[in-house]
Amino acid sequence: MTRVMSVSQVRADIYNVMDETALTHEPILITGKRNNAVMLSQEDWNAIEETLFLNSVPNLATSIKESMQEDDSEFSEDIEW
């Protein structure tokens, strides 16, 4: 569940709010009079960006799902670089 805080609450305790966001990996919805925003840790944002990129590669998800269903004997023990 996303935690909701007002911009005033966040401003009063910004360092602890940032630490909590990074520690719990839970986004915080920051509500204001004109707009709302979501605070995420940089680690979580990087993961979201990577997921979005990987999902943009055609047929990648299908290929991964198919590979997960293959028998392990289909894969080589030796990796050739």
C-alpha atoms as a PDB file:
ATOM      1  CA  MET A   1       0.000   0.000   0.000  1.00  0.00           C
ATOM      2  CA  THR A   2       1.326   3.393  -0.959  1.00  0.00           C
ATOM      3  CA  ARG A   3       1.923   5.751   1.918  1.00  0.00           C
ATOM      4  CA  VAL A   4       0.373   9.201   1.458  1.00  0.00           C
ATOM      5  CA  MET A   5       1.951  12.335   2.915  1.00  0.00           C
ATOM      6  CA  SER A   6       1.342  16.026   2.385  1.00  0.00           C
ATOM      7  CA  VAL A   7       4.112  18.137   0.959  1.00  0.00           C
ATOM      8  CA  SER A   8       4.334  19.901   4.346  1.00  0.00           C
ATOM      9  CA  GLN A   9       4.872  16.579   6.155  1.00  0.00           C
ATOM     10  CA  VAL A  10       7.591  15.580   3.709  1.00  0.00           C
ATOM     11  CA  ARG A  11       9.282  18.966   3.892  1.00  0.00           C
ATOM     12  CA  ALA A  12       9.432  18.783   7.704  1.00  0.00           C
ATOM     13  CA  ASP A  13      11.187  15.398   7.671  1.00  0.00           C
ATOM     14  CA  ILE A  14      12.665  15.025   4.167  1.00  0.00           C
ATOM     15  CA  TYR A  15      15.814  13.109   5.126  1.00  0.00           C
ATOM     16  CA  ASN A  16      13.935  10.484   7.126  1.00  0.00           C
ATOM     17  CA  VAL A  17      11.272  10.181   4.426  1.00  0.00           C
ATOM     18  CA  MET A  18      13.971   9.595   1.808  1.00  0.00           C
ATOM     19  CA  ASP A  19      15.687   7.016   4.019  1.00  0.00           C
ATOM     20  CA  GLU A  20      12.404   5.211   4.640  1.00  0.00           C
ATOM     21  CA  THR A  21      11.584   5.163   0.935  1.00  0.00           C
ATOM     22  CA  ALA A  22      14.967   3.656   0.106  1.00  0.00           C
ATOM     23  CA  LEU A  23      14.777   1.121   2.935  1.00  0.00           C
ATOM     24  CA  THR A  24      11.217  -0.117   2.382  1.00  0.00           C
ATOM     25  CA  HIS A  25      11.153   0.137  -1.430  1.00  0.00           C
ATOM     26  CA  GLU A  26       7.625   1.530  -1.082  1.00  0.00           C
ATOM     27  CA  PRO A  27       6.644   4.650  -3.016  1.00  0.00           C
ATOM     28  CA  ILE A  28       5.265   7.647  -1.173  1.00  0.00           C
ATOM     29  CA  LEU A  29       2.471   9.718  -2.700  1.00  0.00           C
ATOM     30  CA  ILE A  30       3.138  13.354  -1.899  1.00  0.00           C
ATOM     31  CA  THR A  31      -0.002  15.470  -2.104  1.00  0.00           C
ATOM     32  CA  GLY A  32       0.014  19.215  -2.663  1.00  0.00           C
ATOM     33  CA  LYS A  33      -2.484  21.967  -3.326  1.00  0.00           C
ATOM     34  CA  ARG A  34      -1.674  22.163  -7.057  1.00  0.00           C
ATOM     35  CA  ASN A  35      -0.199  18.753  -7.895  1.00  0.00           C
ATOM     36  CA  ASN A  36       0.758  15.370  -6.526  1.00  0.00           C
ATOM     37  CA  ALA A  37       4.035  13.510  -6.963  1.00  0.00           C
ATOM     38  CA  VAL A  38       5.428  10.094  -6.144  1.00  0.00           C
ATOM     39  CA  MET A  39       8.739   9.613  -4.332  1.00  0.00           C
ATOM     40  CA  LEU A  40      10.762   6.496  -5.167  1.00  0.00           C
ATOM     41  CA  SER A  41      14.278   5.512  -4.307  1.00  0.00           C
ATOM     42  CA  GLN A  42      16.744   5.847  -7.168  1.00  0.00           C
ATOM     43  CA  GLU A  43      17.323   2.073  -7.032  1.00  0.00           C
ATOM     44  CA  ASP A  44      13.605   1.426  -7.556  1.00  0.00           C
ATOM     45  CA  TRP A  45      13.373   4.007 -10.343  1.00  0.00           C
ATOM     46  CA  ASN A  46      16.355   2.411 -12.118  1.00  0.00           C
ATOM     47  CA  ALA A  47      14.629  -0.988 -11.881  1.00  0.00           C
ATOM     48  CA  ILE A  48      11.430   0.465 -13.357  1.00  0.00           C
ATOM     49  CA  GLU A  49      13.355   2.049 -16.238  1.00  0.00           C
ATOM     50  CA  GLU A  50      15.139  -1.232 -16.948  1.00  0.00           C
ATOM     51  CA  THR A  51      11.834  -3.131 -16.919  1.00  0.00           C
ATOM     52  CA  LEU A  52      10.260  -0.612 -19.294  1.00  0.00           C
ATOM     53  CA  PHE A  53      13.232  -0.910 -21.637  1.00  0.00           C
ATOM     54  CA  LEU A  54      13.203  -4.713 -21.601  1.00  0.00           C
ATOM     55  CA  ASN A  55       9.451  -4.720 -22.238  1.00  0.00           C
ATOM     56  CA  SER A  56      10.031  -2.525 -25.283  1.00  0.00           C
ATOM     57  CA  VAL A  57      12.255  -5.160 -26.936  1.00  0.00           C
ATOM     58  CA  PRO A  58      10.013  -7.094 -29.364  1.00  0.00           C
ATOM     59  CA  ASN A  59       9.404 -10.737 -28.420  1.00  0.00           C
ATOM     60  CA  LEU A  60      11.808 -10.656 -25.461  1.00  0.00           C
ATOM     61  CA  ALA A  61       9.169 -11.598 -22.866  1.00  0.00           C
ATOM     62  CA  THR A  62       7.932 -14.459 -25.042  1.00  0.00           C
ATOM     63  CA  SER A  63      11.483 -15.707 -25.552  1.00  0.00           C
ATOM     64  CA  ILE A  64      12.184 -15.646 -21.813  1.00  0.00           C
ATOM     65  CA  LYS A  65       8.955 -17.513 -21.014  1.00  0.00           C
ATOM     66  CA  GLU A  66       9.754 -20.157 -23.620  1.00  0.00           C
ATOM     67  CA  SER A  67      13.297 -20.568 -22.290  1.00  0.00           C
ATOM     68  CA  MET A  68      12.007 -21.022 -18.742  1.00  0.00           C
ATOM     69  CA  GLN A  69       9.937 -23.993 -19.927  1.00  0.00           C
ATOM     70  CA  GLU A  70      12.898 -25.721 -21.633  1.00  0.00           C
ATOM     71  CA  ASP A  71      14.524 -28.735 -20.049  1.00  0.00           C
ATOM     72  CA  ASP A  72      17.800 -27.849 -18.331  1.00  0.00           C
ATOM     73  CA  SER A  73      19.596 -30.360 -20.551  1.00  0.00           C
ATOM     74  CA  GLU A  74      18.945 -27.977 -23.456  1.00  0.00           C
ATOM     75  CA  PHE A  75      21.493 -25.568 -22.015  1.00  0.00           C
ATOM     76  CA  SER A  76      25.239 -25.935 -22.247  1.00  0.00           C
ATOM     77  CA  GLU A  77      27.342 -26.278 -19.116  1.00  0.00           C
ATOM     78  CA  ASP A  78      30.175 -24.416 -20.819  1.00  0.00           C
ATOM     79  CA  ILE A  79      29.923 -20.759 -21.637  1.00  0.00           C
ATOM     80  CA  GLU A  80      31.934 -19.625 -24.616  1.00  0.00           C
ATOM     81  CA  TRP A  81      32.774 -15.940 -24.629  1.00  0.00           C
END
